[in-house]
C-alpha atoms as a PDB file:
ATOM      1  CA  MET A   1      31.323  78.366 148.454  1.00  0.00           C
ATOM      2  CA  THR A   2      34.783  78.374 146.976  1.00  0.00           C
ATOM      3  CA  THR A   3      37.876  79.561 148.738  1.00  0.00           C
ATOM      4  CA  LEU A   4      40.268  82.200 147.495  1.00  0.00           C
ATOM      5  CA  GLU A   5      42.890  79.551 146.713  1.00  0.00           C
ATOM      6  CA  GLN A   6      40.391  77.596 144.584  1.00  0.00           C
ATOM      7  CA  LYS A   7      39.457  80.723 142.649  1.00  0.00           C
ATOM      8  CA  GLU A   8      43.093  81.601 142.065  1.00  0.00           C
ATOM      9  CA  THR A   9      43.888  78.084 140.869  1.00  0.00           C
ATOM     10  CA  GLU A  10      40.939  78.156 138.483  1.00  0.00           C
ATOM     11  CA  ILE A  11      41.944  81.569 137.124  1.00  0.00           C
ATOM     12  CA  LEU A  12      45.574  80.508 136.663  1.00  0.00           C
ATOM     13  CA  GLY A  13      44.394  77.363 134.880  1.00  0.00           C
ATOM     14  CA  THR A  14      42.373  79.289 132.300  1.00  0.00           C
ATOM     15  CA  ILE A  15      44.295  82.544 131.879  1.00  0.00           C
ATOM     16  CA  LYS A  16      46.626  81.197 129.181  1.00  0.00           C
ATOM     17  CA  THR A  17      43.757  79.797 127.085  1.00  0.00           C
ATOM     18  CA  GLN A  18      41.721  82.961 127.439  1.00  0.00           C
ATOM     19  CA  THR A  19      44.697  85.150 126.559  1.00  0.00           C
ATOM     20  CA  MET A  20      45.367  83.074 123.425  1.00  0.00           C
ATOM     21  CA  SER A  21      41.705  83.449 122.462  1.00  0.00           C
ATOM     22  CA  GLY A  22      41.875  87.193 123.011  1.00  0.00           C
ATOM     23  CA  LEU A  23      45.062  87.478 120.951  1.00  0.00           C
ATOM     24  CA  ASN A  24      43.422  85.560 118.106  1.00  0.00           C
ATOM     25  CA  THR A  25      40.575  88.068 118.128  1.00  0.00           C
ATOM     26  CA  MET A  26      42.729  91.150 118.648  1.00  0.00           C
ATOM     27  CA  TYR A  27      45.209  90.354 115.877  1.00  0.00           C
ATOM     28  CA  SER A  28      42.842  88.563 113.490  1.00  0.00           C
ATOM     29  CA  ASP A  29      43.174  91.222 110.773  1.00  0.00           C
ATOM     30  CA  LEU A  30      46.980  91.234 110.889  1.00  0.00           C
ATOM     31  CA  VAL A  31      46.996  87.447 110.589  1.00  0.00           C
ATOM     32  CA  LYS A  32      44.238  87.406 107.957  1.00  0.00           C
ATOM     33  CA  PHE A  33      46.051  89.882 105.699  1.00  0.00           C
ATOM     34  CA  ASP A  34      49.454  88.334 106.424  1.00  0.00           C
ATOM     35  CA  ASP A  35      50.909  91.504 107.946  1.00  0.00           C
ATOM     36  CA  ILE A  36      53.608  89.629 109.854  1.00  0.00           C
ATOM     37  CA  PHE A  37      55.885  92.655 110.249  1.00  0.00           C
ATOM     38  CA  ASN A  38      53.322  94.673 112.213  1.00  0.00           C
ATOM     39  CA  LEU A  39      52.269  91.557 114.118  1.00  0.00           C
ATOM     40  CA  GLN A  40      55.867  91.055 115.217  1.00  0.00           C
ATOM     41  CA  CYS A  41      56.146  94.711 116.241  1.00  0.00           C
ATOM     42  CA  GLU A  42      52.904  94.659 118.238  1.00  0.00           C
ATOM     43  CA  LEU A  43      53.645  91.373 119.987  1.00  0.00           C
ATOM     44  CA  GLY A  44      57.250  92.365 120.652  1.00  0.00           C
ATOM     45  CA  ALA A  45      56.130  95.600 122.317  1.00  0.00           C
ATOM     46  CA  ASP A  46      53.563  93.720 124.411  1.00  0.00           C
ATOM     47  CA  LEU A  47      56.141  91.114 125.433  1.00  0.00           C
ATOM     48  CA  ARG A  48      58.648  93.789 126.458  1.00  0.00           C
ATOM     49  CA  ARG A  49      55.943  95.480 128.522  1.00  0.00           C
ATOM     50  CA  LEU A  50      55.077  92.181 130.217  1.00  0.00           C
ATOM     51  CA  ALA A  51      58.749  91.443 130.945  1.00  0.00           C
ATOM     52  CA  TYR A  52      59.128  94.913 132.464  1.00  0.00           C
ATOM     53  CA  THR A  53      56.048  94.312 134.623  1.00  0.00           C
ATOM     54  CA  ILE A  54      57.406  90.968 135.831  1.00  0.00           C
ATOM     55  CA  LYS A  55      60.677  92.635 136.829  1.00  0.00           C
ATOM     56  CA  GLY A  56      58.665  95.250 138.698  1.00  0.00           C
ATOM     57  CA  PHE A  57      56.910  92.507 140.651  1.00  0.00           C
ATOM     58  CA  ASP A  58      60.293  90.945 141.452  1.00  0.00           C
ATOM     59  CA  MET A  59      61.468  94.244 142.900  1.00  0.00           C
ATOM     60  CA  LYS A  60      58.282  94.692 144.939  1.00  0.00           C
ATOM     61  CA  LEU A  61      58.494  91.118 146.255  1.00  0.00           C
ATOM     62  CA  ASP A  62      62.112  91.638 147.290  1.00  0.00           C
ATOM     63  CA  GLU A  63      61.130  94.843 149.062  1.00  0.00           C
ATOM     64  CA  VAL A  64      58.327  93.086 150.984  1.00  0.00           C
ATOM     65  CA  ARG A  65      60.609  90.179 151.889  1.00  0.00           C
ATOM     66  CA  LEU A  66      63.225  92.578 153.247  1.00  0.00           C
ATOM     67  CA  GLN A  67      60.587  94.399 155.299  1.00  0.00           C
ATOM     68  CA  TYR A  68      59.357  91.047 156.619  1.00  0.00           C
ATOM     69  CA  LEU A  69      62.841  89.877 157.585  1.00  0.00           C
ATOM     70  CA  ALA A  70      63.719  93.222 159.170  1.00  0.00           C
ATOM     71  CA  LEU A  71      60.515  93.231 161.236  1.00  0.00           C
ATOM     72  CA  ARG A  72      60.932  89.609 162.225  1.00  0.00           C
ATOM     73  CA  ASP A  73      64.568  90.086 163.233  1.00  0.00           C
ATOM     74  CA  ALA A  74      63.938  93.333 165.115  1.00  0.00           C
ATOM     75  CA  CYS A  75      60.996  92.134 167.189  1.00  0.00           C
ATOM     76  CA  ALA A  76      61.470  88.445 167.789  1.00  0.00           C
ATOM     77  CA  SER A  77      63.681  85.469 167.388  1.00  0.00           C
ATOM     78  CA  GLY A  78      64.732  84.653 163.825  1.00  0.00           C
ATOM     79  CA  ASP A  79      62.193  81.857 163.265  1.00  0.00           C
ATOM     80  CA  ILE A  80      58.718  83.348 163.744  1.00  0.00           C
ATOM     81  CA  ASN A  81      55.708  84.002 161.547  1.00  0.00           C
ATOM     82  CA  SER A  82      52.347  85.676 162.145  1.00  0.00           C
ATOM     83  CA  ALA A  83      50.724  82.528 163.568  1.00  0.00           C
ATOM     84  CA  LYS A  84      53.541  81.921 166.080  1.00  0.00           C
ATOM     85  CA  ALA A  85      53.536  85.579 167.077  1.00  0.00           C
ATOM     86  CA  SER A  86      49.780  85.402 167.690  1.00  0.00           C
ATOM     87  CA  MET A  87      50.156  82.281 169.846  1.00  0.00           C
ATOM     88  CA  ASN A  88      52.905  84.021 171.830  1.00  0.00           C
ATOM     89  CA  GLY A  89      50.600  86.967 172.547  1.00  0.00           C
ATOM     90  CA  GLN A  90      52.487  89.366 170.270  1.00  0.00           C
ATOM     91  CA  GLU A  91      49.388  90.743 168.547  1.00  0.00           C
ATOM     92  CA  VAL A  92      50.976  93.869 167.051  1.00  0.00           C
ATOM     93  CA  LEU A  93      53.846  91.855 165.576  1.00  0.00           C
ATOM     94  CA  SER A  94      51.378  89.216 164.396  1.00  0.00           C
ATOM     95  CA  LYS A  95      49.277  91.820 162.545  1.00  0.00           C
ATOM     96  CA  GLN A  96      52.338  93.424 160.948  1.00  0.00           C
ATOM     97  CA  LEU A  97      53.770  90.057 159.842  1.00  0.00           C
ATOM     98  CA  SER A  98      50.358  88.919 158.619  1.00  0.00           C
ATOM     99  CA  SER A  99      49.987  92.089 156.556  1.00  0.00           C
ATOM    100  CA  LEU A 100      53.385  91.565 154.917  1.00  0.00           C
ATOM    101  CA  GLU A 101      52.657  87.855 154.297  1.00  0.00           C
ATOM    102  CA  TRP A 102      49.337  88.759 152.641  1.00  0.00           C
ATOM    103  CA  LYS A 103      51.009  91.412 150.501  1.00  0.00           C
ATOM    104  CA  ALA A 104      53.706  88.934 149.399  1.00  0.00           C
ATOM    105  CA  GLU A 105      51.059  86.333 148.509  1.00  0.00           C
ATOM    106  CA  ARG A 106      49.086  88.865 146.436  1.00  0.00           C
ATOM    107  CA  LEU A 107      52.206  90.050 144.620  1.00  0.00           C
ATOM    108  CA  ALA A 108      53.301  86.470 143.890  1.00  0.00           C
ATOM    109  CA  TYR A 109      49.848  85.594 142.548  1.00  0.00           C
ATOM    110  CA  SER A 110      49.739  88.704 140.351  1.00  0.00           C
ATOM    111  CA  GLN A 111      53.191  87.879 139.045  1.00  0.00           C
ATOM    112  CA  GLU A 112      52.062  84.336 138.191  1.00  0.00           C
ATOM    113  CA  LEU A 113      49.143  85.790 136.210  1.00  0.00           C
ATOM    114  CA  ILE A 114      51.478  88.044 134.223  1.00  0.00           C
ATOM    115  CA  LYS A 115      53.877  85.142 133.587  1.00  0.00           C
ATOM    116  CA  ALA A 116      50.981  83.022 132.287  1.00  0.00           C
ATOM    117  CA  LYS A 117      50.004  85.860 129.944  1.00  0.00           C
ATOM    118  CA  GLU A 118      53.610  86.171 128.807  1.00  0.00           C
ATOM    119  CA  GLU A 119      53.696  82.442 128.000  1.00  0.00           C
ATOM    120  CA  ALA A 120      50.505  82.834 125.967  1.00  0.00           C
ATOM    121  CA  TYR A 121      51.991  85.760 124.031  1.00  0.00           C
ATOM    122  CA  ILE A 122      55.176  83.788 123.328  1.00  0.00           C
ATOM    123  CA  ASP A 123      53.171  80.767 122.144  1.00  0.00           C
ATOM    124  CA  PHE A 124      50.955  82.974 119.971  1.00  0.00           C
ATOM    125  CA  TYR A 125      54.053  84.645 118.504  1.00  0.00           C
ATOM    126  CA  SER A 126      55.692  81.348 117.604  1.00  0.00           C
ATOM    127  CA  ILE A 127      52.475  79.967 116.076  1.00  0.00           C
ATOM    128  CA  LYS A 128      51.464  83.005 114.016  1.00  0.00           C
ATOM    129  CA  VAL A 129      54.879  84.426 113.099  1.00  0.00           C
ATOM    130  CA  GLY A 130      56.389  81.017 112.506  1.00  0.00           C
ATOM    131  CA  LYS A 131      59.565  81.464 114.503  1.00  0.00           C
ATOM    132  CA  LYS A 132      60.670  81.494 118.114  1.00  0.00           C
ATOM    133  CA  TYR A 133      60.421  84.790 119.977  1.00  0.00           C
ATOM    134  CA  VAL A 134      63.807  86.239 120.875  1.00  0.00           C
ATOM    135  CA  PRO A 135      63.773  89.264 123.184  1.00  0.00           C
ATOM    136  CA  TYR A 136      65.206  92.431 121.669  1.00  0.00           C
ATOM    137  CA  SER A 137      68.725  93.364 122.674  1.00  0.00           C
ATOM    138  CA  SER A 138      70.033  96.662 121.381  1.00  0.00           C
ATOM    139  CA  ASN A 139      73.736  96.147 121.942  1.00  0.00           C
ATOM    140  CA  ALA A 140      74.383  92.445 121.535  1.00  0.00           C
ATOM    141  CA  PHE A 141      75.861  91.000 118.370  1.00  0.00           C
ATOM    142  CA  LYS A 142      75.204  87.410 117.464  1.00  0.00           C
ATOM    143  CA  SER A 143      78.903  86.623 117.126  1.00  0.00           C
ATOM    144  CA  ASP A 144      82.339  88.080 116.534  1.00  0.00           C
ATOM    145  CA  LYS A 145      82.095  87.040 112.879  1.00  0.00           C
ATOM    146  CA  HIS A 146      79.089  89.314 112.508  1.00  0.00           C
ATOM    147  CA  LEU A 147      81.051  92.228 113.973  1.00  0.00           C
ATOM    148  CA  GLU A 148      84.040  91.485 111.708  1.00  0.00           C
ATOM    149  CA  LYS A 149      81.752  91.446 108.662  1.00  0.00           C
ATOM    150  CA  ILE A 150      80.285  94.847 109.582  1.00  0.00           C
ATOM    151  CA  ASN A 151      83.761  96.342 110.124  1.00  0.00           C
ATOM    152  CA  LYS A 152      85.013  94.930 106.807  1.00  0.00           C
ATOM    153  CA  GLU A 153      82.036  96.358 104.892  1.00  0.00           C
ATOM    154  CA  SER A 154      82.503  99.711 106.633  1.00  0.00           C
ATOM    155  CA  LYS A 155      86.176  99.851 105.581  1.00  0.00           C
ATOM    156  CA  ILE A 156      85.289  98.967 101.975  1.00  0.00           C
ATOM    157  CA  THR A 157      82.631 101.694 101.928  1.00  0.00           C
ATOM    158  CA  LYS A 158      84.983 104.328 103.344  1.00  0.00           C
ATOM    159  CA  ALA A 159      87.708 103.395 100.842  1.00  0.00           C
ATOM    160  CA  TRP A 160      85.249 103.650  97.948  1.00  0.00           C
ATOM    161  CA  LEU A 161      84.055 107.062  99.161  1.00  0.00           C
ATOM    162  CA  LEU A 162      87.669 108.339  99.336  1.00  0.00           C
ATOM    163  CA  ASP A 163      88.309 107.225  95.766  1.00  0.00           C
ATOM    164  CA  HIS A 164      84.982 108.306  94.258  1.00  0.00           C
ATOM    165  CA  SER A 165      83.898 111.322  96.326  1.00  0.00           C
ATOM    166  CA  ASN A 166      84.402 113.672  93.389  1.00  0.00           C
ATOM    167  CA  GLU A 167      81.962 111.603  91.261  1.00  0.00           C
ATOM    168  CA  ILE A 168      79.076 112.047  93.682  1.00  0.00           C
ATOM    169  CA  GLU A 169      76.955 115.048  92.847  1.00  0.00           C
ATOM    170  CA  PRO A 170      75.854 117.183  95.783  1.00  0.00           C
ATOM    171  CA  ILE A 171      72.180 117.067  96.585  1.00  0.00           C
ATOM    172  CA  LEU A 172      71.998 120.831  97.188  1.00  0.00           C
ATOM    173  CA  GLU A 173      74.148 123.489  95.620  1.00  0.00           C
ATOM    174  CA  GLY A 174      75.423 126.400  97.698  1.00  0.00           C
ATOM    175  CA  SER A 175      72.776 128.854  96.443  1.00  0.00           C
ATOM    176  CA  GLU A 176      69.987 126.297  97.042  1.00  0.00           C
ATOM    177  CA  MET A 177      70.853 125.669 100.692  1.00  0.00           C
ATOM    178  CA  ILE A 178      69.368 128.819 102.216  1.00  0.00           C
ATOM    179  CA  PRO A 179      65.935 128.496 100.533  1.00  0.00           C
ATOM    180  CA  ALA A 180      65.858 124.803 101.425  1.00  0.00           C
ATOM    181  CA  ILE A 181      66.564 125.562 105.070  1.00  0.00           C
ATOM    182  CA  ILE A 182      63.847 128.237 105.160  1.00  0.00           C
ATOM    183  CA  GLU A 183      61.238 125.843 103.743  1.00  0.00           C
END
C-alpha cells in the first residue's frame, strides 16, 4: 500500500508530461494547420488563468498561515505545533493546529500541481510557437525609445490632419446621417 506522500510525488513527477501530451492532442489542429495566432491566444489565456489561480493559492496559504500563527500565539507559547500540543495534553489546540497544518499542506500541494501545469504550458508555447512566452502587460512599454517613437508619429499624424483635413471626404453627408443612425 502506498502512502499519500508517495502518491503525491508520483503525480507531481508525471503531471508535466501528461499535460504536454494533453496539449499536443488539444491543439493538434492549430499546430497542424499552422494557426499560430490562435494558438498564441489560446495558450496565453490559459497561462493567465493559471497565473491567477497560483496567486489565489498564495493568498489562501497566507490566510491559513496567519490563522495558524494567531491560534498558536493566543493559546500557547510561540514554538508549538499540533504534535507538541497533543503531548502537552492540549487536545483542542492540537486538533485546531492539525487542521490548519493539513489545510496548508493540501493548498501547497495543489499549488505545486498548478505550477507544474504552468511550466508545461510555457514549454509547449515555446516549442510550438517558436518564441519565449512573455506574460501580457497592458500598460508597460518596452522602453522610452518606443514611447518617443509613438509620440513622434502621433505629432506627425496630427500635423498632417491639420494641413489636409479639407481634402478628406466625409464618410456620411448631413442628409445621410439620420437614415444611417436608424438602420
